[in-house]
Amino acid sequence: MQTTEVHTSSERIGKDRVKLRVEVPEASLAPALAAAYRKWAHEIRVPGFRKGKIPRQIIDARVGADTVREEALREALPDFYSEAMDAEELQAIAPPDIEVIELTQGAPVVFEATVDVRPEINLPDIGSLTVEAPPSEVNDADVSEQLDRLRDRFAELEAVSREARRGDFVLIDLNGMRDGEPVEGAGAPDLLYELGSRTGPPKLDDELEGNRPGAILRFTDSIRVGAEEAESGALPDGDISFTVLLKEVKTKRLPPLNDEFAKTVGEFDSLDELREDLRERLGDVKLRMVSEEIGRLVLDALVRASDLEPPEKLVDTEFEHRLHHFEEDLERAGIGLESYAREVGSTVLEVRSELRAEAAHSVVAELLLEDVARREDIEVAQDDLGREVGFEAARTGRAASEVAEEMLTPANLRSVAAAILRRKAVAFVVEHANVIGRPHDGSTVEAAKEQTPASEAAEEADAAVEA
């Protein structure tokens, strides 16, 4: 960017809004004006003149001197605006509204920019933040819970002749009819359904419970869907007559908890070895989870201690981002926002309000963390990028060079660096806050990461980043 002699002044017209007045000498517009004339000299045709050699006077007559000046200013304006913002030591958080006041030939260019700016931040005293860490120890109950999950995963379904109970699996033929015609999406042959899961028609679980194989059940169910599902052509709204043939009742048979089970699960000679392995794995996972929770608790405490009011522009952007992703998640689950709100006993307005409150909290947290990074000179070094590549390579089992090529493109590098900077700022706050019951003498998420296979990929990752 070419430096110009811009003259600036600014006034606050709102909590986070500034009106910037900028005056640019005529000479500073000259390079952009020359470029605009060169462009027009190549674009228009004038008999007797070669392309690119058309005098300015003729271009002015054909195109208009004002048009050329407007085009020149349009090209130069971003640089003028950026230089003026630097001169006033302002940071924009949204694109400006610009009004050109003066663009007369021979006079300085004058324009005004109304812009939302980053607010002034009074960072709370980090050392005064106090949170209590959740317990990080692994107890016998934790290990037993994991063993139960393993047994459930290796369980076999066994047909029984008794009545169906909650927790059983039933094999059914499900047919839904309306006005004597099959309803698309309301029927399924040989459907293996978990009784009590409540994933079928609302009355299905209650109708199945207590019946034996061979039973034929008939009932009418009222299906209610939101406007989003109706528009998408999902299961239609209204009453549907269901006929269900209960073909089989299956119950889970859990394997006995012994040495043979341990050998089935993995390369363990005994149940004690399996227990010890689970305890170690749970310890690593729990330490990581506790460290992440400490970071969240400390960040929440920092936000509560701050008097910062989030700029509405940033909150609007963050809210729209969160709402978009939330609606995408709901769409993948086959429901809309209206149906979700009804299922959780809320309203669309309340769900949106909650998302907006979360967006405002997030904006304050990010502004505070950025201020921490600025005050403490926290930066992202090449080693940080190398470790990030190494972690991702270890997590996905891909070559570090391949991950680096994907992660460190110009399009991705800024977001990767921002995520690293945020984590380092959080780590700083956690380190200097008063954390009661801090695990392992202040272990952090990064310490837990160093115990993963990512460390083995670090050297290769550093080489990939340097390349």
Protein backbone atom coordinates (compact mmCIF):
# COMPACT_ATOMS: atom_id res chain seq x y z
CA MET A 1 0.00 0.00 0.00
CA GLN A 2 1.40 3.40 -1.01
CA THR A 3 1.62 5.84 1.89
CA THR A 4 -0.23 9.14 1.36
CA GLU A 5 -0.53 12.34 3.36
CA VAL A 6 -4.11 11.84 4.50
CA HIS A 7 -5.59 14.21 7.05
CA THR A 8 -8.06 12.58 9.40
CA SER A 9 -10.43 13.37 12.23
CA SER A 10 -12.94 11.19 14.02
CA GLU A 11 -15.86 11.47 16.41
CA ARG A 12 -17.76 8.81 18.31
CA ILE A 13 -21.42 8.71 17.35
CA GLY A 14 -22.29 5.63 19.39
CA LYS A 15 -20.88 3.15 21.87
CA ASP A 16 -18.89 1.32 19.21
CA ARG A 17 -19.48 3.53 16.17
CA VAL A 18 -17.19 6.23 14.80
CA LYS A 19 -17.54 8.78 12.01
CA LEU A 20 -14.19 9.20 10.29
CA ARG A 21 -13.53 12.24 8.08
CA VAL A 22 -10.66 11.86 5.63
CA GLU A 23 -9.03 14.47 3.39
CA VAL A 24 -6.64 13.24 0.69
CA PRO A 25 -4.42 15.63 -1.35
CA GLU A 26 -5.13 15.69 -5.08
CA ALA A 27 -1.60 14.43 -5.74
CA SER A 28 -2.28 11.25 -3.79
CA LEU A 29 -5.05 10.33 -6.22
CA ALA A 30 -2.74 10.80 -9.21
CA PRO A 31 -1.43 7.16 -9.42
CA ALA A 32 -4.95 5.71 -9.36
CA LEU A 33 -6.10 8.36 -11.83
CA ALA A 34 -3.27 7.47 -14.22
CA ALA A 35 -4.18 3.78 -13.98
CA ALA A 36 -7.82 4.58 -14.74
CA TYR A 37 -6.87 6.58 -17.84
CA ARG A 38 -4.58 3.76 -19.03
CA LYS A 39 -7.43 1.30 -18.68
CA TRP A 40 -9.81 3.45 -20.69
CA ALA A 41 -7.13 4.11 -23.30
CA HIS A 42 -7.08 0.36 -23.98
CA GLU A 43 -10.84 -0.13 -23.85
CA ILE A 44 -12.21 2.56 -26.17
CA ARG A 45 -11.57 2.94 -29.90
CA VAL A 46 -10.92 6.35 -31.46
CA PRO A 47 -10.12 6.68 -35.19
CA GLY A 48 -6.60 8.00 -35.74
CA PHE A 49 -5.26 6.81 -32.38
CA ARG A 50 -3.59 3.55 -31.53
CA LYS A 51 -5.00 1.44 -28.73
CA GLY A 52 -3.52 2.58 -25.42
CA LYS A 53 -2.32 5.92 -26.86
CA ILE A 54 -5.53 7.93 -26.55
CA PRO A 55 -5.04 11.36 -24.88
CA ARG A 56 -6.81 12.14 -21.62
CA GLN A 57 -8.78 14.99 -23.18
CA ILE A 58 -10.43 12.61 -25.64
CA ILE A 59 -11.13 10.04 -22.91
CA ASP A 60 -12.73 12.83 -20.85
CA ALA A 61 -14.88 13.76 -23.83
CA ARG A 62 -15.92 10.17 -24.54
CA VAL A 63 -16.25 8.75 -21.01
CA GLY A 64 -16.45 11.82 -18.80
CA ALA A 65 -13.78 13.21 -16.49
CA ASP A 66 -16.02 12.66 -13.46
CA THR A 67 -16.51 9.00 -14.38
CA VAL A 68 -12.75 8.45 -14.59
CA ARG A 69 -12.18 10.20 -11.25
CA GLU A 70 -14.91 8.13 -9.60
CA GLU A 71 -13.34 4.95 -10.92
CA ALA A 72 -9.89 6.02 -9.71
CA LEU A 73 -11.23 6.79 -6.25
CA ARG A 74 -13.07 3.47 -6.15
CA GLU A 75 -9.74 1.69 -6.67
CA ALA A 76 -7.77 3.88 -4.25
CA LEU A 77 -10.42 4.21 -1.54
CA PRO A 78 -9.57 0.98 0.37
CA ASP A 79 -5.98 2.15 0.83
CA PHE A 80 -7.04 5.67 1.84
CA TYR A 81 -9.54 4.24 4.33
CA SER A 82 -7.04 1.75 5.77
CA GLU A 83 -4.41 4.45 6.22
CA ALA A 84 -6.94 6.73 7.92
CA MET A 85 -7.99 3.96 10.32
CA ASP A 86 -4.34 3.36 11.21
CA ALA A 87 -3.80 7.08 11.75
CA GLU A 88 -6.74 7.22 14.17
CA GLU A 89 -5.69 3.90 15.78
CA LEU A 90 -9.08 2.34 15.13
CA GLN A 91 -9.93 -1.30 14.39
CA ALA A 92 -13.03 -1.97 12.31
CA ILE A 93 -15.28 -4.90 13.12
CA ALA A 94 -17.50 -4.51 10.05
CA PRO A 95 -17.31 -2.93 6.57
CA PRO A 96 -17.77 0.86 6.66
CA ASP A 97 -20.50 3.02 5.15
CA ILE A 98 -18.63 5.54 3.00
CA GLU A 99 -19.91 8.83 1.62
CA VAL A 100 -17.80 10.87 -0.80
CA ILE A 101 -18.07 14.56 0.12
CA GLU A 102 -15.66 16.15 -2.37
CA LEU A 103 -14.24 14.78 -5.63
CA THR A 104 -13.73 17.97 -7.63
CA GLN A 105 -10.71 18.19 -9.92
CA GLY A 106 -7.94 20.28 -8.38
CA ALA A 107 -9.32 19.98 -4.84
CA PRO A 108 -8.52 17.48 -2.09
CA VAL A 109 -10.64 14.33 -2.04
CA VAL A 110 -12.89 14.30 1.03
CA PHE A 111 -14.93 11.35 2.25
CA GLU A 112 -16.58 10.24 5.47
CA ALA A 113 -16.69 6.68 6.75
CA THR A 114 -19.14 5.53 9.40
CA VAL A 115 -17.73 2.38 10.91
CA ASP A 116 -18.30 0.01 13.81
CA VAL A 117 -15.04 -0.33 15.73
CA ARG A 118 -13.54 -2.68 18.27
CA PRO A 119 -14.49 -1.47 21.75
CA GLU A 120 -12.03 -0.41 24.41
CA ILE A 121 -11.41 -3.28 26.81
CA ASN A 122 -10.74 -3.13 30.53
CA LEU A 123 -9.29 -6.57 31.13
CA PRO A 124 -10.25 -8.01 34.55
CA ASP A 125 -7.52 -9.09 36.95
CA ILE A 126 -6.85 -12.67 35.83
CA GLY A 127 -5.19 -13.58 39.12
CA SER A 128 -8.43 -12.84 40.98
CA LEU A 129 -10.41 -15.38 38.96
CA THR A 130 -11.21 -18.42 41.09
CA VAL A 131 -12.74 -21.68 39.87
CA GLU A 132 -12.89 -25.19 41.25
CA ALA A 133 -11.61 -27.99 39.03
CA PRO A 134 -13.84 -31.04 38.64
CA PRO A 135 -12.36 -34.31 39.96
CA SER A 136 -9.88 -35.95 37.59
CA GLU A 137 -9.35 -39.25 39.41
CA VAL A 138 -10.62 -42.48 37.87
CA ASN A 139 -12.50 -44.63 40.39
CA ASP A 140 -13.72 -48.23 40.32
CA ALA A 141 -17.21 -47.12 39.28
CA ASP A 142 -15.77 -45.46 36.15
CA VAL A 143 -13.98 -48.67 35.19
CA SER A 144 -17.09 -50.77 35.86
CA GLU A 145 -19.16 -48.45 33.67
CA GLN A 146 -16.71 -48.91 30.79
CA LEU A 147 -16.77 -52.69 31.29
CA ASP A 148 -20.57 -52.62 31.12
CA ARG A 149 -20.40 -50.69 27.87
CA LEU A 150 -17.94 -53.22 26.45
CA ARG A 151 -20.22 -56.09 27.46
CA ASP A 152 -23.16 -54.31 25.84
CA ARG A 153 -21.14 -53.84 22.64
CA PHE A 154 -20.29 -57.56 22.52
CA ALA A 155 -23.78 -58.67 23.50
CA GLU A 156 -25.74 -61.03 21.24
CA LEU A 157 -29.45 -60.85 20.49
CA GLU A 158 -31.33 -64.00 21.39
CA ALA A 159 -34.94 -64.73 20.42
CA VAL A 160 -37.33 -65.36 23.32
CA SER A 161 -40.96 -66.50 23.42
CA ARG A 162 -42.09 -64.20 26.23
CA GLU A 163 -43.84 -60.85 26.02
CA ALA A 164 -41.87 -57.80 24.86
CA ARG A 165 -40.33 -55.57 27.54
CA ARG A 166 -38.52 -52.25 27.58
CA GLY A 167 -34.94 -52.76 26.43
CA ASP A 168 -35.85 -55.69 24.16
CA PHE A 169 -35.37 -55.63 20.41
CA VAL A 170 -38.40 -56.57 18.33
CA LEU A 171 -38.58 -57.60 14.68
CA ILE A 172 -41.71 -56.07 13.18
CA ASP A 173 -43.48 -55.34 9.92
CA LEU A 174 -44.76 -51.76 10.14
CA ASN A 175 -47.40 -50.40 7.75
CA GLY A 176 -48.99 -46.94 7.81
CA MET A 177 -52.17 -46.16 5.87
CA ARG A 178 -54.29 -43.07 5.30
CA ASP A 179 -57.61 -43.23 3.48
CA GLY A 180 -56.79 -46.77 2.40
CA GLU A 181 -53.48 -45.78 0.77
CA PRO A 182 -49.94 -46.49 2.04
CA VAL A 183 -48.21 -43.44 3.50
CA GLU A 184 -44.69 -42.93 2.19
CA GLY A 185 -42.15 -43.08 5.01
CA ALA A 186 -44.63 -44.67 7.44
CA GLY A 187 -43.87 -48.32 6.72
CA ALA A 188 -40.94 -50.72 7.00
CA PRO A 189 -40.71 -54.52 6.63
CA ASP A 190 -38.43 -56.52 8.95
CA LEU A 191 -37.69 -53.51 11.11
CA LEU A 192 -35.48 -54.29 14.12
CA TYR A 193 -36.72 -51.83 16.72
CA GLU A 194 -35.48 -51.20 20.26
CA LEU A 195 -38.44 -51.06 22.59
CA GLY A 196 -38.27 -47.92 24.70
CA SER A 197 -36.17 -45.94 22.23
CA ARG A 198 -39.17 -43.80 21.22
CA THR A 199 -37.81 -43.45 17.70
CA GLY A 200 -40.97 -44.71 15.94
CA PRO A 201 -44.55 -43.44 15.87
CA PRO A 202 -45.47 -41.96 19.28
CA LYS A 203 -47.72 -44.86 20.35
CA LEU A 204 -45.55 -47.69 18.98
CA ASP A 205 -43.60 -48.48 22.16
CA ASP A 206 -46.70 -48.64 24.36
CA GLU A 207 -48.55 -50.82 21.84
CA LEU A 208 -45.67 -53.31 21.54
CA GLU A 209 -44.94 -53.66 25.24
CA GLY A 210 -46.50 -56.76 26.80
CA ASN A 211 -47.22 -58.54 23.49
CA ARG A 212 -45.76 -61.83 22.28
CA PRO A 213 -44.45 -62.89 18.84
CA GLY A 214 -47.31 -63.34 16.36
CA ALA A 215 -49.37 -60.46 17.72
CA ILE A 216 -50.98 -58.13 15.19
CA LEU A 217 -51.45 -54.61 16.51
CA ARG A 218 -53.66 -51.90 15.03
CA PHE A 219 -53.73 -48.31 16.21
CA THR A 220 -54.13 -44.79 14.94
CA ASP A 221 -51.40 -42.30 15.69
CA SER A 222 -51.36 -38.56 15.27
CA ILE A 223 -48.23 -37.35 13.51
CA ARG A 224 -47.39 -33.69 14.02
CA VAL A 225 -44.60 -32.07 12.04
CA GLY A 226 -43.39 -28.50 11.77
CA ALA A 227 -43.59 -26.23 8.75
CA GLU A 228 -40.00 -27.05 7.78
CA GLU A 229 -40.67 -30.81 7.58
CA ALA A 230 -43.92 -30.25 5.69
CA GLU A 231 -42.10 -28.16 3.08
CA SER A 232 -39.31 -30.73 2.76
CA GLY A 233 -41.78 -33.53 1.99
CA ALA A 234 -41.02 -35.55 5.13
CA LEU A 235 -43.63 -37.71 6.91
CA PRO A 236 -46.95 -35.87 6.34
CA ASP A 237 -48.85 -34.25 9.17
CA GLY A 238 -52.08 -35.87 10.42
CA ASP A 239 -53.59 -39.18 11.60
CA ILE A 240 -52.14 -42.44 10.26
CA SER A 241 -53.59 -45.93 10.77
CA PHE A 242 -50.80 -48.37 11.65
CA THR A 243 -50.75 -52.15 11.44
CA VAL A 244 -47.84 -53.90 13.13
CA LEU A 245 -46.93 -57.58 12.95
CA LEU A 246 -44.73 -58.56 15.90
CA LYS A 247 -42.54 -61.29 14.40
CA GLU A 248 -39.84 -61.80 17.03
CA VAL A 249 -38.81 -60.61 20.48
CA LYS A 250 -35.06 -60.54 21.08
CA THR A 251 -33.20 -59.86 24.29
CA LYS A 252 -29.56 -58.99 24.83
CA ARG A 253 -27.35 -61.72 26.24
CA LEU A 254 -24.34 -60.09 27.87
CA PRO A 255 -21.10 -62.08 27.85
CA PRO A 256 -19.83 -63.16 31.29
CA LEU A 257 -17.22 -60.87 32.79
CA ASN A 258 -14.16 -63.13 32.98
CA ASP A 259 -10.73 -63.75 31.48
CA GLU A 260 -12.25 -65.17 28.29
CA PHE A 261 -14.16 -61.95 27.75
CA ALA A 262 -10.93 -59.97 28.18
CA LYS A 263 -9.29 -62.09 25.47
CA THR A 264 -12.26 -61.49 23.17
CA VAL A 265 -12.08 -57.73 23.62
CA GLY A 266 -8.38 -57.42 22.83
CA GLU A 267 -4.92 -58.78 23.47
CA PHE A 268 -5.37 -59.27 27.20
CA ASP A 269 -4.51 -62.41 29.15
CA SER A 270 -6.85 -61.66 32.02
CA LEU A 271 -9.72 -59.50 33.19
CA ASP A 272 -7.34 -57.67 35.54
CA GLU A 273 -5.20 -56.61 32.56
CA LEU A 274 -8.30 -55.30 30.80
CA ARG A 275 -9.33 -53.36 33.91
CA GLU A 276 -5.88 -51.78 34.21
CA ASP A 277 -5.84 -50.83 30.53
CA LEU A 278 -9.27 -49.22 30.85
CA ARG A 279 -8.15 -47.33 33.95
CA GLU A 280 -5.11 -45.89 32.12
CA ARG A 281 -7.14 -44.92 29.07
CA LEU A 282 -9.85 -43.37 31.20
CA GLY A 283 -7.19 -41.44 33.10
CA ASP A 284 -5.87 -39.87 29.90
CA VAL A 285 -9.36 -39.08 28.64
CA LYS A 286 -10.54 -37.70 31.96
CA LEU A 287 -7.45 -35.52 32.36
CA ARG A 288 -8.05 -34.07 28.91
CA MET A 289 -11.74 -33.51 29.63
CA VAL A 290 -11.04 -31.93 33.01
CA SER A 291 -8.40 -29.65 31.48
CA GLU A 292 -10.86 -28.55 28.81
CA GLU A 293 -13.54 -27.99 31.45
CA ILE A 294 -11.12 -25.89 33.52
CA GLY A 295 -10.49 -23.75 30.45
CA ARG A 296 -14.24 -23.29 29.97
CA LEU A 297 -14.81 -22.46 33.65
CA VAL A 298 -11.98 -19.93 33.75
CA LEU A 299 -13.14 -18.31 30.51
CA ASP A 300 -16.69 -18.06 31.86
CA ALA A 301 -15.30 -16.45 35.02
CA LEU A 302 -13.33 -13.97 32.90
CA VAL A 303 -16.47 -13.03 30.96
CA ARG A 304 -18.50 -12.60 34.16
CA ALA A 305 -15.79 -10.38 35.66
CA SER A 306 -15.75 -8.15 32.58
CA ASP A 307 -17.96 -5.10 32.06
CA LEU A 308 -17.56 -5.34 28.28
CA GLU A 309 -20.76 -4.99 26.26
CA PRO A 310 -20.44 -6.93 22.98
CA PRO A 311 -20.80 -4.90 19.76
CA GLU A 312 -24.15 -5.67 18.14
CA LYS A 313 -22.58 -6.17 14.70
CA LEU A 314 -20.35 -8.95 16.02
CA VAL A 315 -23.21 -10.51 17.96
CA ASP A 316 -25.41 -10.45 14.85
CA THR A 317 -22.73 -12.19 12.80
CA GLU A 318 -22.01 -14.83 15.45
CA PHE A 319 -25.73 -15.44 16.02
CA GLU A 320 -26.42 -15.98 12.31
CA HIS A 321 -23.44 -18.34 12.13
CA ARG A 322 -24.66 -20.40 15.11
CA LEU A 323 -28.25 -20.46 13.92
CA HIS A 324 -27.20 -21.61 10.45
CA HIS A 325 -25.13 -24.51 11.80
CA PHE A 326 -27.80 -25.45 14.35
CA GLU A 327 -30.46 -25.63 11.64
CA GLU A 328 -28.10 -27.69 9.47
CA ASP A 329 -27.63 -30.16 12.35
CA LEU A 330 -31.38 -30.39 12.86
CA GLU A 331 -31.91 -30.93 9.13
CA ARG A 332 -29.46 -33.84 9.17
CA ALA A 333 -31.47 -35.28 12.06
CA GLY A 334 -34.63 -34.97 9.99
CA ILE A 335 -36.38 -32.26 12.03
CA GLY A 336 -36.83 -28.52 11.82
CA LEU A 337 -36.39 -25.74 14.35
CA GLU A 338 -40.12 -25.59 15.09
CA SER A 339 -40.33 -29.32 15.87
CA TYR A 340 -37.15 -29.23 17.94
CA ALA A 341 -38.51 -26.37 20.05
CA ARG A 342 -41.72 -28.29 20.65
CA GLU A 343 -39.85 -31.48 21.62
CA VAL A 344 -37.76 -29.68 24.26
CA GLY A 345 -40.78 -27.84 25.63
CA SER A 346 -39.75 -24.45 24.28
CA THR A 347 -40.59 -22.06 21.45
CA VAL A 348 -38.68 -20.97 18.37
CA LEU A 349 -38.35 -17.49 19.89
CA GLU A 350 -36.86 -18.93 23.10
CA VAL A 351 -34.43 -21.13 21.16
CA ARG A 352 -33.30 -18.16 19.07
CA SER A 353 -32.95 -16.02 22.22
CA GLU A 354 -30.79 -18.68 23.84
CA LEU A 355 -28.59 -18.90 20.75
CA ARG A 356 -28.23 -15.12 20.72
CA ALA A 357 -27.22 -15.09 24.39
CA GLU A 358 -24.60 -17.74 23.62
CA ALA A 359 -23.40 -15.63 20.68
CA ALA A 360 -23.03 -12.54 22.89
CA HIS A 361 -21.09 -14.56 25.50
CA SER A 362 -18.82 -15.93 22.77
CA VAL A 363 -18.12 -12.48 21.32
CA VAL A 364 -17.11 -11.11 24.74
CA ALA A 365 -14.89 -14.14 25.36
CA GLU A 366 -13.13 -13.78 22.01
CA LEU A 367 -12.54 -10.04 22.45
CA LEU A 368 -11.08 -10.64 25.92
CA LEU A 369 -8.82 -13.44 24.68
CA GLU A 370 -7.60 -11.27 21.80
CA ASP A 371 -6.77 -8.57 24.34
CA VAL A 372 -4.90 -11.10 26.51
CA ALA A 373 -2.87 -12.20 23.48
CA ARG A 374 -2.07 -8.57 22.59
CA ARG A 375 -1.09 -7.53 26.12
CA GLU A 376 1.06 -10.62 26.73
CA ASP A 377 2.64 -10.65 23.26
CA ILE A 378 1.31 -14.14 22.60
CA GLU A 379 2.02 -15.12 19.02
CA VAL A 380 1.76 -18.13 16.73
CA ALA A 381 5.20 -19.45 15.81
CA GLN A 382 6.16 -21.93 13.13
CA ASP A 383 6.64 -24.56 15.85
CA ASP A 384 2.99 -24.10 16.82
CA LEU A 385 1.90 -24.75 13.24
CA GLY A 386 4.15 -27.81 13.13
CA ARG A 387 2.59 -29.22 16.29
CA GLU A 388 -0.90 -28.56 14.95
CA VAL A 389 -0.06 -30.46 11.78
CA GLY A 390 1.46 -33.25 13.87
CA PHE A 391 -1.66 -33.56 16.05
CA GLU A 392 -3.93 -33.75 13.02
CA ALA A 393 -1.65 -36.23 11.23
CA ALA A 394 -1.61 -38.50 14.30
CA ARG A 395 -5.37 -38.19 14.74
CA THR A 396 -6.20 -39.08 11.15
CA GLY A 397 -3.32 -41.44 10.40
CA ARG A 398 -2.27 -39.36 7.39
CA ALA A 399 1.18 -38.17 6.35
CA ALA A 400 2.20 -34.86 7.92
CA SER A 401 3.18 -33.48 4.52
CA GLU A 402 -0.32 -34.18 3.21
CA VAL A 403 -1.96 -32.56 6.24
CA ALA A 404 0.33 -29.52 6.00
CA GLU A 405 -0.50 -29.05 2.33
CA GLU A 406 -4.20 -29.01 3.22
CA MET A 407 -4.13 -27.04 6.48
CA LEU A 408 -1.61 -24.36 5.61
CA THR A 409 -3.10 -23.04 2.38
CA PRO A 410 -3.67 -19.28 2.26
CA ALA A 411 -7.41 -19.94 2.60
CA ASN A 412 -7.00 -22.02 5.78
CA LEU A 413 -3.90 -20.57 7.43
CA ARG A 414 -5.64 -17.60 9.06
CA SER A 415 -8.30 -19.75 10.76
CA VAL A 416 -5.69 -22.33 11.86
CA ALA A 417 -3.49 -19.61 13.34
CA ALA A 418 -6.49 -17.97 15.04
CA ALA A 419 -7.46 -21.27 16.68
CA ILE A 420 -3.89 -21.79 17.94
CA LEU A 421 -3.68 -18.22 19.26
CA ARG A 422 -6.98 -18.66 21.08
CA ARG A 423 -5.80 -21.86 22.76
CA LYS A 424 -2.55 -20.21 23.84
CA ALA A 425 -4.48 -17.26 25.29
CA VAL A 426 -6.82 -19.62 27.17
CA ALA A 427 -3.78 -21.54 28.48
CA PHE A 428 -2.29 -18.26 29.75
CA VAL A 429 -5.51 -17.35 31.57
CA VAL A 430 -5.79 -20.85 33.08
CA GLU A 431 -2.15 -20.75 34.19
CA HIS A 432 -2.56 -17.42 36.00
CA ALA A 433 -6.04 -17.96 37.44
CA ASN A 434 -6.69 -19.50 40.85
CA VAL A 435 -7.80 -23.05 40.03
CA ILE A 436 -8.70 -25.00 43.16
CA GLY A 437 -7.85 -28.68 42.78
CA ARG A 438 -5.82 -28.16 39.61
CA PRO A 439 -4.90 -31.69 38.39
CA HIS A 440 -1.30 -32.87 38.17
CA ASP A 441 0.30 -29.60 39.29
CA GLY A 442 -1.30 -27.51 36.57
CA SER A 443 -1.40 -29.96 33.67
CA THR A 444 -3.19 -28.48 30.69
CA VAL A 445 -4.79 -29.80 27.57
CA GLU A 446 -1.48 -29.34 25.78
CA ALA A 447 0.28 -31.54 28.34
CA ALA A 448 -2.26 -34.25 27.69
CA LYS A 449 -1.74 -33.87 23.96
CA GLU A 450 1.98 -34.42 24.31
CA GLN A 451 1.22 -37.95 25.51
CA THR A 452 -0.54 -38.80 22.25
CA PRO A 453 1.05 -40.24 19.11
CA ALA A 454 1.17 -36.68 17.77
CA SER A 455 4.57 -36.20 19.40
CA GLU A 456 5.95 -38.93 17.16
CA ALA A 457 4.87 -36.97 14.10
CA ALA A 458 6.30 -33.65 15.31
CA GLU A 459 9.62 -33.88 13.47
CA GLU A 460 7.96 -34.82 10.20
CA ALA A 461 5.36 -32.08 10.69
CA ASP A 462 8.00 -29.39 11.30
CA ALA A 463 9.74 -30.42 8.09
CA ALA A 464 6.43 -30.27 6.23
CA VAL A 465 5.66 -26.78 7.56
CA GLU A 466 9.12 -25.50 6.63
CA ALA A 467 8.64 -26.90 3.15
